[in-house]
Structures are given as structure tokens and as C-alpha cells.
Amino acid sequence: MHSARLLRTVPVLALSAALLPLTAASPAVSSTLASVGGAAAQVCEVATPGGLEVRTKPGAKAVEPDAAQGAGTDLLQGKEPTALSPAGSIRVPTYVHVIAKGPTAADGQLTDAQVAAQMKVLSKSFNGTSGPGAADTAFRFTLAGTTRTTNPAWYDMLPGSSAERQAKQALRRGDDRTLNIYISGLSQGLLGYAYFPQQGGNSNPWQDGVVVLNESIPGGAATNYDGGDTLPHEVGHWLGLYHTFQNGCSTAGDRVSDTPAEAVPAFGCPKGQDSCAKDPGVDPVENLMDYSYDDCMYAFTPGQAARMDAVWKAWRA
């Protein structure tokens, strides 16, 4: 942990969301399941009911909920790791669920090649081959299946919506050790969101998994966020990682000792920025748990790898 920081409670069922500038929400459209086949000064880190964490581009008009709600203990309080799993030793069966609003690529349909390209980015991010200094982790993700659903009513799939509940209840596969990825159009500027493992039992197992914007996959249409790094960012949350700027300079931060303290999210690629000048190191803008552009962020640290391993053992294994 950052030694100079004080512990602060965090949500136990935390929902992490990444947003682009907000747009009007698309109305829900009745449909049936057609097919299922093979400014940096802004501080956006807030605790909300359910633990929603908001990511925006500078200047986006995001509503900041009440930061006093949704508090809880850290996922690893009393469950700190005692031994690390070997690199590559944890195999995670992974299902990709493509949700489209129509039959064409413009409607969100993805090819097998596009799904494979996104999975490749995920694999490189977790096996330490994504860039210099990237840590290898215990996790390897094996594509167990791909489903394709055409349903305009599910396409936006905002967190907490009936569309999210219906889609996940219909499509989710496996158990807590299975990664379910939902790729959809989202709405209101969302890039993606994910839930932390639940403590004290899981009353809504369907809620588990990660959701990413189809335009954020490799070669997608989300300018500066089209390298596929939204998925490893959200899978990091699924495995218990906080943002690198969690709690700013003077608190427990992200509860990882080798990520330098960071006061605010890094937008763009401000290499050398030091928002916590009194703490060691410059802002970790290359870290996958920051908000940097995709062509800048690529790495997990050894400390983050250890935390994900510990969270897996405590809440998923």
C-alpha cells in the first residue's frame, strides 16, 4: 500500500464505469431475441450506490452522484495474499456475448476476427507482452464460446437498467470463475463497466461480468479509445483492481504499493505529469487502470498482478 495513505472504505459490490462525453440515452425498443450463436483538474473518482466510478473525457457533462454513499471495506481486508500463483497458472474460461441492434456491422455485429483481435489484446495485457515493464500475471483467458444476439432493446445496456438485467440473465455462462464479456453499443458515452466480486454472498450472480463498447475494440470508431484497452481495464476491475488515482495523494490510494500516487485521472498521454509531487514517482499514465488514451496505456504492475491473484483466491476461486 502507499505508506503515507490512510485507509478509506470502498464499495464491496463496486461498479466501475468508463465514459466518453455524454449523449442522450437511446429509448428502449421492444424486440425479441433473434439469434444466439457459436480537463484533468476534474476529480471523477466518486463512491455511489453500487459503487459507480465515472470516467469522462475532459469537458464532458457527467453527473457526479453523492460520494458519501456506497461505502464498504476493501475486498482484501483480512484476506491478504500469502503466496502468489505461478504466472499463467489460472485459466479463465471466457464467453464473449456480442449484442447488436440489427444485422450489419454498423448495428454492432462483430466478426470472429474482430473478437479474436480483442481477445489478443486481453491476453497480451495479462501475460506481460503488451509493452516494456509490463508484469506477467497468473491469468490466461481461453475463449470458450461466442454468442451473437440481435436485440435493439438490449443494445444500450446501461448499468442498473432492465436491459442489462435481461441480457445478462439470458446470456451469462458458467460461475464466478468464468469471465463473461458483453460487447454492445451502450449509450450516454460509456466505454465500459464492470462489477467487483461480491462479499458475503452473491444475490445477483447474473450481474457479474464486464461490458464494453463495441467501438472500443481494436480498430473501432472510438477515437483515442480504439486499441482494445477498455476490456483489460474492466477485467482488472473484475479481478479487484481500483483506478490508479483512487483516493488521490493522501489516502490508501489503489491499495497497490508499486503504482505511484496520482491525484487525478490522466487524460491523453501526459508522460512525466506528477500530480502528487510529495510522493515518489510520476503519474502512472501507462497503467491500464488509469484513464489515458489506448496508445499510451498498456501495463499492469507486479503489485497489481499480486492483488488480482489474491482477489481471485478470496472471492472467485
C-alpha atoms as a PDB file:
ATOM      1  CA  MET A   1       0.000   0.000   0.000  1.00  0.00           C
ATOM      2  CA  HIS A   2       1.039   3.624  -0.317  1.00  0.00           C
ATOM      3  CA  SER A   3       2.653   4.001   3.089  1.00  0.00           C
ATOM      4  CA  ALA A   4       1.652   7.634   3.555  1.00  0.00           C
ATOM      5  CA  ARG A   5      -2.001   6.974   2.900  1.00  0.00           C
ATOM      6  CA  LEU A   6      -4.884   6.470   5.311  1.00  0.00           C
ATOM      7  CA  LEU A   7      -7.361   3.665   4.736  1.00  0.00           C
ATOM      8  CA  ARG A   8     -10.740   4.637   3.359  1.00  0.00           C
ATOM      9  CA  THR A   9     -13.622   2.258   2.891  1.00  0.00           C
ATOM     10  CA  VAL A  10     -14.710   1.388  -0.624  1.00  0.00           C
ATOM     11  CA  PRO A  11     -17.731  -0.287  -2.193  1.00  0.00           C
ATOM     12  CA  VAL A  12     -17.986  -4.055  -1.779  1.00  0.00           C
ATOM     13  CA  LEU A  13     -20.028  -4.525  -4.926  1.00  0.00           C
ATOM     14  CA  ALA A  14     -18.284  -1.875  -6.921  1.00  0.00           C
ATOM     15  CA  LEU A  15     -19.344  -0.961 -10.403  1.00  0.00           C
ATOM     16  CA  SER A  16     -16.616   0.702 -12.408  1.00  0.00           C
ATOM     17  CA  ALA A  17     -17.651   2.657 -15.458  1.00  0.00           C
ATOM     18  CA  ALA A  18     -15.706   4.399 -18.184  1.00  0.00           C
ATOM     19  CA  LEU A  19     -17.412   7.163 -20.081  1.00  0.00           C
ATOM     20  CA  LEU A  20     -16.921   9.325 -23.126  1.00  0.00           C
ATOM     21  CA  PRO A  21     -18.790  12.668 -23.355  1.00  0.00           C
ATOM     22  CA  LEU A  22     -22.430  12.147 -22.541  1.00  0.00           C
ATOM     23  CA  THR A  23     -25.096  11.953 -25.203  1.00  0.00           C
ATOM     24  CA  ALA A  24     -28.826  11.483 -24.967  1.00  0.00           C
ATOM     25  CA  ALA A  25     -29.866   7.997 -23.976  1.00  0.00           C
ATOM     26  CA  SER A  26     -31.416   5.899 -26.692  1.00  0.00           C
ATOM     27  CA  PRO A  27     -35.004   4.817 -25.973  1.00  0.00           C
ATOM     28  CA  ALA A  28     -35.634   1.160 -25.355  1.00  0.00           C
ATOM     29  CA  VAL A  29     -37.156  -0.583 -28.338  1.00  0.00           C
ATOM     30  CA  SER A  30     -39.282  -3.702 -27.944  1.00  0.00           C
ATOM     31  CA  SER A  31     -37.675  -6.650 -29.640  1.00  0.00           C
ATOM     32  CA  THR A  32     -37.204 -10.369 -29.367  1.00  0.00           C
ATOM     33  CA  LEU A  33     -34.053 -12.412 -29.262  1.00  0.00           C
ATOM     34  CA  ALA A  34     -33.246 -13.063 -32.895  1.00  0.00           C
ATOM     35  CA  SER A  35     -30.171 -15.211 -32.659  1.00  0.00           C
ATOM     36  CA  VAL A  36     -27.708 -16.671 -30.211  1.00  0.00           C
ATOM     37  CA  GLY A  37     -24.783 -18.411 -31.871  1.00  0.00           C
ATOM     38  CA  GLY A  38     -21.405 -20.082 -31.612  1.00  0.00           C
ATOM     39  CA  ALA A  39      -9.788  18.749 -18.044  1.00  0.00           C
ATOM     40  CA  ALA A  40      -7.506  16.868 -15.812  1.00  0.00           C
ATOM     41  CA  ALA A  41      -8.369  19.057 -12.812  1.00  0.00           C
ATOM     42  CA  GLN A  42     -11.702  17.320 -12.590  1.00  0.00           C
ATOM     43  CA  VAL A  43     -11.729  14.597  -9.930  1.00  0.00           C
ATOM     44  CA  CYS A  44     -14.134  11.932 -11.191  1.00  0.00           C
ATOM     45  CA  GLU A  45     -13.471   9.298  -8.524  1.00  0.00           C
ATOM     46  CA  VAL A  46     -16.698   9.050  -6.555  1.00  0.00           C
ATOM     47  CA  ALA A  47     -18.403   6.397  -4.460  1.00  0.00           C
ATOM     48  CA  THR A  48     -22.047   5.915  -5.341  1.00  0.00           C
ATOM     49  CA  PRO A  49     -24.844   3.466  -4.637  1.00  0.00           C
ATOM     50  CA  GLY A  50     -23.483   0.232  -6.059  1.00  0.00           C
ATOM     51  CA  GLY A  51     -20.005   1.768  -6.328  1.00  0.00           C
ATOM     52  CA  LEU A  52     -20.181   3.507  -9.696  1.00  0.00           C
ATOM     53  CA  GLU A  53     -16.858   5.061 -10.724  1.00  0.00           C
ATOM     54  CA  VAL A  54     -17.077   7.518 -13.591  1.00  0.00           C
ATOM     55  CA  ARG A  55     -14.579   8.118 -16.394  1.00  0.00           C
ATOM     56  CA  THR A  56     -15.047  11.045 -18.753  1.00  0.00           C
ATOM     57  CA  LYS A  57     -13.178  12.933 -21.388  1.00  0.00           C
ATOM     58  CA  PRO A  58     -12.306  16.491 -20.287  1.00  0.00           C
ATOM     59  CA  GLY A  59     -15.319  18.747 -20.609  1.00  0.00           C
ATOM     60  CA  ALA A  60     -17.953  16.007 -20.553  1.00  0.00           C
ATOM     61  CA  LYS A  61     -21.130  16.840 -18.668  1.00  0.00           C
ATOM     62  CA  ALA A  62     -21.224  13.963 -16.196  1.00  0.00           C
ATOM     63  CA  VAL A  63     -23.443  13.976 -13.131  1.00  0.00           C
ATOM     64  CA  GLU A  64     -21.427  13.217 -10.014  1.00  0.00           C
ATOM     65  CA  PRO A  65     -23.565  11.243  -7.506  1.00  0.00           C
ATOM     66  CA  ASP A  66     -23.308  11.584  -3.747  1.00  0.00           C
ATOM     67  CA  ALA A  67     -19.807  10.480  -2.755  1.00  0.00           C
ATOM     68  CA  ALA A  68     -20.951   9.577   0.754  1.00  0.00           C
ATOM     69  CA  GLN A  69     -22.986   6.577  -0.358  1.00  0.00           C
ATOM     70  CA  GLY A  70     -21.974   3.016  -1.161  1.00  0.00           C
ATOM     71  CA  ALA A  71     -19.089   2.662   1.311  1.00  0.00           C
ATOM     72  CA  GLY A  72     -17.725  -0.672   2.475  1.00  0.00           C
ATOM     73  CA  THR A  73     -14.489  -2.478   3.281  1.00  0.00           C
ATOM     74  CA  ASP A  74     -11.705  -3.314   0.891  1.00  0.00           C
ATOM     75  CA  LEU A  75     -12.129  -6.628  -0.893  1.00  0.00           C
ATOM     76  CA  LEU A  76      -8.932  -7.957   0.690  1.00  0.00           C
ATOM     77  CA  GLN A  77      -9.320  -6.681   4.246  1.00  0.00           C
ATOM     78  CA  GLY A  78      -8.485  -9.733   6.330  1.00  0.00           C
ATOM     79  CA  LYS A  79      -7.800 -11.769   3.210  1.00  0.00           C
ATOM     80  CA  GLU A  80      -4.349 -10.543   2.236  1.00  0.00           C
ATOM     81  CA  PRO A  81      -2.302 -12.866  -0.018  1.00  0.00           C
ATOM     82  CA  THR A  82       0.146 -15.321   1.484  1.00  0.00           C
ATOM     83  CA  ALA A  83       1.606 -16.846  -1.677  1.00  0.00           C
ATOM     84  CA  LEU A  84       1.477 -15.966  -5.348  1.00  0.00           C
ATOM     85  CA  SER A  85       0.221 -18.279  -8.056  1.00  0.00           C
ATOM     86  CA  PRO A  86       2.731 -19.009 -10.853  1.00  0.00           C
ATOM     87  CA  ALA A  87       2.437 -16.923 -13.988  1.00  0.00           C
ATOM     88  CA  GLY A  88      -0.150 -18.372 -16.358  1.00  0.00           C
ATOM     89  CA  SER A  89      -1.435 -20.913 -13.842  1.00  0.00           C
ATOM     90  CA  ILE A  90      -5.031 -19.654 -13.618  1.00  0.00           C
ATOM     91  CA  ARG A  91      -7.059 -20.471 -16.726  1.00  0.00           C
ATOM     92  CA  VAL A  92     -10.246 -18.467 -17.070  1.00  0.00           C
ATOM     93  CA  PRO A  93     -12.919 -19.752 -19.470  1.00  0.00           C
ATOM     94  CA  THR A  94     -14.268 -16.717 -21.305  1.00  0.00           C
ATOM     95  CA  TYR A  95     -17.507 -16.136 -23.172  1.00  0.00           C
ATOM     96  CA  VAL A  96     -17.945 -13.159 -25.483  1.00  0.00           C
ATOM     97  CA  HIS A  97     -21.526 -12.015 -25.996  1.00  0.00           C
ATOM     98  CA  VAL A  98     -21.977  -9.693 -28.974  1.00  0.00           C
ATOM     99  CA  ILE A  99     -25.192  -7.684 -28.701  1.00  0.00           C
ATOM    100  CA  ALA A 100     -26.298  -5.829 -31.840  1.00  0.00           C
ATOM    101  CA  LYS A 101     -29.329  -3.777 -32.784  1.00  0.00           C
ATOM    102  CA  GLY A 102     -29.511  -5.036 -36.357  1.00  0.00           C
ATOM    103  CA  PRO A 103     -27.884  -7.267 -38.984  1.00  0.00           C
ATOM    104  CA  THR A 104     -24.953  -5.091 -40.121  1.00  0.00           C
ATOM    105  CA  ALA A 105     -21.556  -4.016 -38.806  1.00  0.00           C
ATOM    106  CA  ALA A 106     -22.997  -0.522 -38.286  1.00  0.00           C
ATOM    107  CA  ASP A 107     -25.564  -2.139 -35.996  1.00  0.00           C
ATOM    108  CA  GLY A 108     -22.820  -3.640 -33.820  1.00  0.00           C
ATOM    109  CA  GLN A 109     -22.334  -7.035 -35.425  1.00  0.00           C
ATOM    110  CA  LEU A 110     -18.753  -8.268 -34.982  1.00  0.00           C
ATOM    111  CA  THR A 111     -16.863 -10.913 -36.910  1.00  0.00           C
ATOM    112  CA  ASP A 112     -14.915 -13.792 -35.403  1.00  0.00           C
ATOM    113  CA  ALA A 113     -11.738 -11.982 -36.465  1.00  0.00           C
ATOM    114  CA  GLN A 114     -12.726  -8.870 -34.513  1.00  0.00           C
ATOM    115  CA  VAL A 115     -13.493 -10.932 -31.418  1.00  0.00           C
ATOM    116  CA  ALA A 116     -10.134 -12.685 -31.790  1.00  0.00           C
ATOM    117  CA  ALA A 117      -8.331  -9.336 -32.095  1.00  0.00           C
ATOM    118  CA  GLN A 118      -9.920  -8.135 -28.857  1.00  0.00           C
ATOM    119  CA  MET A 119      -9.030 -11.369 -27.089  1.00  0.00           C
ATOM    120  CA  LYS A 120      -5.426 -10.985 -28.270  1.00  0.00           C
ATOM    121  CA  VAL A 121      -5.220  -7.555 -26.613  1.00  0.00           C
ATOM    122  CA  LEU A 122      -6.630  -9.036 -23.412  1.00  0.00           C
ATOM    123  CA  SER A 123      -4.113 -11.887 -23.479  1.00  0.00           C
ATOM    124  CA  LYS A 124      -1.109  -9.625 -24.083  1.00  0.00           C
ATOM    125  CA  SER A 125      -2.196  -7.322 -21.267  1.00  0.00           C
ATOM    126  CA  PHE A 126      -2.224 -10.205 -18.787  1.00  0.00           C
ATOM    127  CA  ASN A 127       0.809 -12.186 -19.996  1.00  0.00           C
ATOM    128  CA  GLY A 128       3.220  -9.267 -19.768  1.00  0.00           C
ATOM    129  CA  THR A 129       3.879  -8.854 -23.506  1.00  0.00           C
ATOM    130  CA  SER A 130       1.936  -5.617 -24.008  1.00  0.00           C
ATOM    131  CA  GLY A 131       4.928  -3.312 -23.572  1.00  0.00           C
ATOM    132  CA  PRO A 132       8.171  -2.599 -21.691  1.00  0.00           C
ATOM    133  CA  GLY A 133       7.907  -3.223 -17.968  1.00  0.00           C
ATOM    134  CA  ALA A 134       4.501  -4.883 -18.148  1.00  0.00           C
ATOM    135  CA  ALA A 135       4.057  -7.548 -15.470  1.00  0.00           C
ATOM    136  CA  ASP A 136       3.135 -11.117 -16.263  1.00  0.00           C
ATOM    137  CA  THR A 137       0.145 -12.315 -14.232  1.00  0.00           C
ATOM    138  CA  ALA A 138      -1.345 -15.616 -13.152  1.00  0.00           C
ATOM    139  CA  PHE A 139      -4.248 -15.226 -15.579  1.00  0.00           C
ATOM    140  CA  ARG A 140      -4.815 -16.652 -19.030  1.00  0.00           C
ATOM    141  CA  PHE A 141      -8.156 -16.268 -20.806  1.00  0.00           C
ATOM    142  CA  THR A 142      -9.451 -19.002 -23.093  1.00  0.00           C
ATOM    143  CA  LEU A 143     -12.323 -18.233 -25.445  1.00  0.00           C
ATOM    144  CA  ALA A 144     -14.949 -20.857 -24.578  1.00  0.00           C
ATOM    145  CA  GLY A 145     -17.647 -19.512 -26.847  1.00  0.00           C
ATOM    146  CA  THR A 146     -19.133 -16.541 -28.658  1.00  0.00           C
ATOM    147  CA  THR A 147     -22.820 -15.695 -28.721  1.00  0.00           C
ATOM    148  CA  ARG A 148     -24.483 -13.224 -31.066  1.00  0.00           C
ATOM    149  CA  THR A 149     -27.763 -11.591 -30.161  1.00  0.00           C
ATOM    150  CA  THR A 150     -29.776  -9.109 -32.205  1.00  0.00           C
ATOM    151  CA  ASN A 151     -31.974  -7.146 -29.822  1.00  0.00           C
ATOM    152  CA  PRO A 152     -32.301  -3.340 -30.012  1.00  0.00           C
ATOM    153  CA  ALA A 153     -33.813  -3.267 -26.522  1.00  0.00           C
ATOM    154  CA  TRP A 154     -30.576  -4.629 -25.054  1.00  0.00           C
ATOM    155  CA  TYR A 155     -28.165  -2.623 -27.183  1.00  0.00           C
ATOM    156  CA  ASP A 156     -27.672   0.337 -24.821  1.00  0.00           C
ATOM    157  CA  MET A 157     -27.311  -1.909 -21.766  1.00  0.00           C
ATOM    158  CA  LEU A 158     -26.718   0.831 -19.192  1.00  0.00           C
ATOM    159  CA  PRO A 159     -25.661  -0.290 -15.694  1.00  0.00           C
ATOM    160  CA  GLY A 160     -28.638  -0.929 -13.488  1.00  0.00           C
ATOM    161  CA  SER A 161     -31.075  -0.990 -16.395  1.00  0.00           C
ATOM    162  CA  SER A 162     -33.656  -3.637 -17.198  1.00  0.00           C
ATOM    163  CA  ALA A 163     -31.749  -4.195 -20.457  1.00  0.00           C
ATOM    164  CA  GLU A 164     -28.619  -5.131 -18.509  1.00  0.00           C
ATOM    165  CA  ARG A 165     -30.547  -7.489 -16.260  1.00  0.00           C
ATOM    166  CA  GLN A 166     -32.427  -9.184 -19.100  1.00  0.00           C
ATOM    167  CA  ALA A 167     -29.386  -9.562 -21.343  1.00  0.00           C
ATOM    168  CA  LYS A 168     -27.140 -10.949 -18.623  1.00  0.00           C
ATOM    169  CA  GLN A 169     -29.762 -13.274 -17.215  1.00  0.00           C
ATOM    170  CA  ALA A 170     -30.277 -14.713 -20.698  1.00  0.00           C
ATOM    171  CA  LEU A 171     -26.658 -14.889 -21.830  1.00  0.00           C
ATOM    172  CA  ARG A 172     -24.404 -15.472 -18.810  1.00  0.00           C
ATOM    173  CA  ARG A 173     -22.476 -18.743 -18.784  1.00  0.00           C
ATOM    174  CA  GLY A 174     -20.526 -20.521 -16.043  1.00  0.00           C
ATOM    175  CA  ASP A 175     -19.908 -19.330 -12.490  1.00  0.00           C
ATOM    176  CA  ASP A 176     -17.748 -16.823 -10.590  1.00  0.00           C
ATOM    177  CA  ARG A 177     -14.634 -18.334 -12.200  1.00  0.00           C
ATOM    178  CA  THR A 178     -15.982 -17.686 -15.695  1.00  0.00           C
ATOM    179  CA  LEU A 179     -15.472 -14.340 -17.408  1.00  0.00           C
ATOM    180  CA  ASN A 180     -18.494 -13.112 -19.347  1.00  0.00           C
ATOM    181  CA  ILE A 181     -17.805 -10.209 -21.716  1.00  0.00           C
ATOM    182  CA  TYR A 182     -20.730  -8.288 -23.180  1.00  0.00           C
ATOM    183  CA  ILE A 183     -19.890  -6.142 -26.220  1.00  0.00           C
ATOM    184  CA  SER A 184     -22.655  -3.698 -27.079  1.00  0.00           C
ATOM    185  CA  GLY A 185     -23.409  -0.144 -28.135  1.00  0.00           C
ATOM    186  CA  LEU A 186     -24.014   1.097 -24.600  1.00  0.00           C
ATOM    187  CA  SER A 187     -25.179   4.747 -24.592  1.00  0.00           C
ATOM    188  CA  GLN A 188     -24.556   8.079 -22.878  1.00  0.00           C
ATOM    189  CA  GLY A 189     -20.875   7.914 -23.782  1.00  0.00           C
ATOM    190  CA  LEU A 190     -19.989   4.787 -21.832  1.00  0.00           C
ATOM    191  CA  LEU A 191     -16.787   2.954 -22.750  1.00  0.00           C
ATOM    192  CA  GLY A 192     -17.361   0.094 -20.334  1.00  0.00           C
ATOM    193  CA  TYR A 193     -18.152  -1.022 -16.815  1.00  0.00           C
ATOM    194  CA  ALA A 194     -17.576  -3.981 -14.505  1.00  0.00           C
ATOM    195  CA  TYR A 195     -18.566  -5.281 -11.089  1.00  0.00           C
ATOM    196  CA  PHE A 196     -16.188  -6.286  -8.332  1.00  0.00           C
ATOM    197  CA  PRO A 197     -16.753  -9.713  -6.754  1.00  0.00           C
ATOM    198  CA  GLN A 198     -19.447  -9.581  -4.086  1.00  0.00           C
ATOM    199  CA  GLN A 199     -18.668 -10.125  -0.441  1.00  0.00           C
ATOM    200  CA  GLY A 200     -20.987 -12.057   1.856  1.00  0.00           C
ATOM    201  CA  GLY A 201     -22.748 -13.949  -0.901  1.00  0.00           C
ATOM    202  CA  ASN A 202     -23.983 -13.031  -4.338  1.00  0.00           C
ATOM    203  CA  SER A 203     -27.706 -12.389  -4.542  1.00  0.00           C
ATOM    204  CA  ASN A 204     -27.487 -11.307  -8.191  1.00  0.00           C
ATOM    205  CA  PRO A 205     -24.998 -13.680  -9.860  1.00  0.00           C
ATOM    206  CA  TRP A 206     -26.166 -12.560 -13.303  1.00  0.00           C
ATOM    207  CA  GLN A 207     -24.714  -9.109 -12.597  1.00  0.00           C
ATOM    208  CA  ASP A 208     -21.139 -10.410 -12.742  1.00  0.00           C
ATOM    209  CA  GLY A 209     -19.043  -9.801 -15.848  1.00  0.00           C
ATOM    210  CA  VAL A 210     -17.780  -6.864 -17.892  1.00  0.00           C
ATOM    211  CA  VAL A 211     -19.480  -4.712 -20.519  1.00  0.00           C
ATOM    212  CA  VAL A 212     -17.529  -2.841 -23.189  1.00  0.00           C
ATOM    213  CA  LEU A 213     -18.458  -0.519 -26.025  1.00  0.00           C
ATOM    214  CA  ASN A 214     -18.207  -2.163 -29.438  1.00  0.00           C
ATOM    215  CA  GLU A 215     -16.464   0.950 -30.794  1.00  0.00           C
ATOM    216  CA  SER A 216     -13.626   0.416 -28.270  1.00  0.00           C
ATOM    217  CA  ILE A 217     -12.442  -2.874 -29.768  1.00  0.00           C
ATOM    218  CA  PRO A 218      -9.237  -2.834 -31.870  1.00  0.00           C
ATOM    219  CA  GLY A 219      -9.854  -0.714 -34.946  1.00  0.00           C
ATOM    220  CA  GLY A 220     -13.174   0.595 -33.605  1.00  0.00           C
ATOM    221  CA  ALA A 221     -14.661   4.042 -34.063  1.00  0.00           C
ATOM    222  CA  ALA A 222     -13.980   5.443 -30.570  1.00  0.00           C
ATOM    223  CA  THR A 223     -11.194   7.906 -31.338  1.00  0.00           C
ATOM    224  CA  ASN A 224      -8.243   7.517 -28.937  1.00  0.00           C
ATOM    225  CA  TYR A 225     -10.011   4.577 -27.268  1.00  0.00           C
ATOM    226  CA  ASP A 226      -9.930   2.151 -30.202  1.00  0.00           C
ATOM    227  CA  GLY A 227      -6.977  -0.036 -29.259  1.00  0.00           C
ATOM    228  CA  GLY A 228      -8.960  -2.574 -27.266  1.00  0.00           C
ATOM    229  CA  ASP A 229      -7.684  -1.476 -23.846  1.00  0.00           C
ATOM    230  CA  THR A 230     -11.111  -0.853 -22.343  1.00  0.00           C
ATOM    231  CA  LEU A 231     -11.511  -4.618 -21.946  1.00  0.00           C
ATOM    232  CA  PRO A 232      -8.325  -5.296 -19.902  1.00  0.00           C
ATOM    233  CA  HIS A 233      -9.123  -2.183 -17.843  1.00  0.00           C
ATOM    234  CA  GLU A 234     -12.555  -3.561 -16.966  1.00  0.00           C
ATOM    235  CA  VAL A 235     -11.238  -7.099 -16.411  1.00  0.00           C
ATOM    236  CA  GLY A 236      -8.794  -5.514 -13.967  1.00  0.00           C
ATOM    237  CA  HIS A 237     -11.814  -4.264 -12.015  1.00  0.00           C
ATOM    238  CA  TRP A 238     -13.460  -7.696 -12.328  1.00  0.00           C
ATOM    239  CA  LEU A 239     -10.353  -9.021 -10.568  1.00  0.00           C
ATOM    240  CA  GLY A 240     -10.418  -6.393  -7.842  1.00  0.00           C
ATOM    241  CA  LEU A 241      -8.208  -3.547  -9.082  1.00  0.00           C
ATOM    242  CA  TYR A 242      -9.079   0.066  -8.382  1.00  0.00           C
ATOM    243  CA  HIS A 243      -8.127   3.002 -10.577  1.00  0.00           C
ATOM    244  CA  THR A 244      -4.561   4.235 -10.089  1.00  0.00           C
ATOM    245  CA  PHE A 245      -5.936   7.614  -8.969  1.00  0.00           C
ATOM    246  CA  GLN A 246      -8.228   6.028  -6.355  1.00  0.00           C
ATOM    247  CA  ASN A 247      -8.472   8.375  -3.351  1.00  0.00           C
ATOM    248  CA  GLY A 248      -5.831  10.777  -4.661  1.00  0.00           C
ATOM    249  CA  CYS A 249      -2.495  11.544  -2.980  1.00  0.00           C
ATOM    250  CA  SER A 250      -3.067  11.336   0.739  1.00  0.00           C
ATOM    251  CA  THR A 251      -5.140   8.210   1.377  1.00  0.00           C
ATOM    252  CA  ALA A 252      -4.935   4.460   0.797  1.00  0.00           C
ATOM    253  CA  GLY A 253      -4.974   5.031  -2.935  1.00  0.00           C
ATOM    254  CA  ASP A 254      -5.487   1.910  -5.037  1.00  0.00           C
ATOM    255  CA  ARG A 255      -4.062  -0.362  -2.312  1.00  0.00           C
ATOM    256  CA  VAL A 256      -1.137  -1.360  -4.520  1.00  0.00           C
ATOM    257  CA  SER A 257       2.346  -0.346  -3.403  1.00  0.00           C
ATOM    258  CA  ASP A 258       4.103  -0.085  -6.767  1.00  0.00           C
ATOM    259  CA  THR A 259       1.658   2.248  -8.535  1.00  0.00           C
ATOM    260  CA  PRO A 260       2.759   5.841  -7.825  1.00  0.00           C
ATOM    261  CA  ALA A 261       0.194   8.053  -6.124  1.00  0.00           C
ATOM    262  CA  GLU A 262      -1.965  10.003  -8.559  1.00  0.00           C
ATOM    263  CA  ALA A 263      -4.290  12.884  -7.679  1.00  0.00           C
ATOM    264  CA  VAL A 264      -6.484  12.886 -10.783  1.00  0.00           C
ATOM    265  CA  PRO A 265      -7.140  10.725 -13.846  1.00  0.00           C
ATOM    266  CA  ALA A 266      -4.669  11.087 -16.706  1.00  0.00           C
ATOM    267  CA  PHE A 267      -6.412  12.123 -19.912  1.00  0.00           C
ATOM    268  CA  GLY A 268      -4.461  11.866 -23.145  1.00  0.00           C
ATOM    269  CA  CYS A 269      -0.868  10.778 -22.552  1.00  0.00           C
ATOM    270  CA  PRO A 270       0.753  13.297 -20.180  1.00  0.00           C
ATOM    271  CA  LYS A 271       4.023  11.439 -19.639  1.00  0.00           C
ATOM    272  CA  GLY A 272       6.024  12.974 -16.804  1.00  0.00           C
ATOM    273  CA  GLN A 273       2.972  14.506 -15.144  1.00  0.00           C
ATOM    274  CA  ASP A 274       3.335  14.451 -11.354  1.00  0.00           C
ATOM    275  CA  SER A 275       0.031  15.263  -9.671  1.00  0.00           C
ATOM    276  CA  CYS A 276       1.307  14.048  -6.255  1.00  0.00           C
ATOM    277  CA  ALA A 277       4.646  15.857  -6.119  1.00  0.00           C
ATOM    278  CA  LYS A 278       5.278  14.956  -2.473  1.00  0.00           C
ATOM    279  CA  ASP A 279       5.000  11.224  -3.223  1.00  0.00           C
ATOM    280  CA  PRO A 280       7.586   9.128  -5.091  1.00  0.00           C
ATOM    281  CA  GLY A 281       7.217   8.662  -8.827  1.00  0.00           C
ATOM    282  CA  VAL A 282       5.315  10.397 -11.591  1.00  0.00           C
ATOM    283  CA  ASP A 283       1.740   9.612 -12.571  1.00  0.00           C
ATOM    284  CA  PRO A 284       1.459   6.057 -13.980  1.00  0.00           C
ATOM    285  CA  VAL A 285      -0.120   7.110 -17.260  1.00  0.00           C
ATOM    286  CA  GLU A 286       0.991   3.855 -18.916  1.00  0.00           C
ATOM    287  CA  ASN A 287      -1.011   1.807 -16.413  1.00  0.00           C
ATOM    288  CA  LEU A 288      -4.097   0.001 -17.656  1.00  0.00           C
ATOM    289  CA  MET A 289      -6.064   1.221 -14.632  1.00  0.00           C
ATOM    290  CA  ASP A 290      -5.620   4.901 -15.479  1.00  0.00           C
ATOM    291  CA  TYR A 291      -7.729   6.856 -17.998  1.00  0.00           C
ATOM    292  CA  SER A 292      -5.007   7.500 -20.586  1.00  0.00           C
ATOM    293  CA  TYR A 293      -5.537   7.060 -24.330  1.00  0.00           C
ATOM    294  CA  ASP A 294      -5.255   3.472 -25.528  1.00  0.00           C
ATOM    295  CA  ASP A 295      -1.976   4.134 -27.358  1.00  0.00           C
ATOM    296  CA  CYS A 296      -0.429   5.222 -24.053  1.00  0.00           C
ATOM    297  CA  MET A 297      -1.728   2.680 -21.501  1.00  0.00           C
ATOM    298  CA  TYR A 298      -0.595  -0.932 -21.663  1.00  0.00           C
ATOM    299  CA  ALA A 299       0.769  -2.295 -18.363  1.00  0.00           C
ATOM    300  CA  PHE A 300      -0.149  -3.878 -15.075  1.00  0.00           C
ATOM    301  CA  THR A 301       2.455  -3.773 -12.283  1.00  0.00           C
ATOM    302  CA  PRO A 302       3.692  -6.741 -10.223  1.00  0.00           C
ATOM    303  CA  GLY A 303       1.710  -5.360  -7.294  1.00  0.00           C
ATOM    304  CA  GLN A 304      -1.464  -5.273  -9.342  1.00  0.00           C
ATOM    305  CA  ALA A 305      -0.799  -8.822 -10.526  1.00  0.00           C
ATOM    306  CA  ALA A 306      -0.464  -9.910  -6.890  1.00  0.00           C
ATOM    307  CA  ARG A 307      -3.673  -8.150  -5.883  1.00  0.00           C
ATOM    308  CA  MET A 308      -5.657  -9.747  -8.709  1.00  0.00           C
ATOM    309  CA  ASP A 309      -4.284 -13.145  -7.693  1.00  0.00           C
ATOM    310  CA  ALA A 310      -5.336 -12.548  -4.079  1.00  0.00           C
ATOM    311  CA  VAL A 311      -8.810 -11.330  -5.033  1.00  0.00           C
ATOM    312  CA  TRP A 312      -9.263 -14.396  -7.251  1.00  0.00           C
ATOM    313  CA  LYS A 313      -8.383 -16.722  -4.355  1.00  0.00           C
ATOM    314  CA  ALA A 314     -10.560 -14.832  -1.877  1.00  0.00           C
ATOM    315  CA  TRP A 315     -13.679 -14.291  -3.971  1.00  0.00           C
ATOM    316  CA  ARG A 316     -13.630 -16.289  -7.210  1.00  0.00           C
ATOM    317  CA  ALA A 317     -11.643 -19.499  -6.753  1.00  0.00           C
END
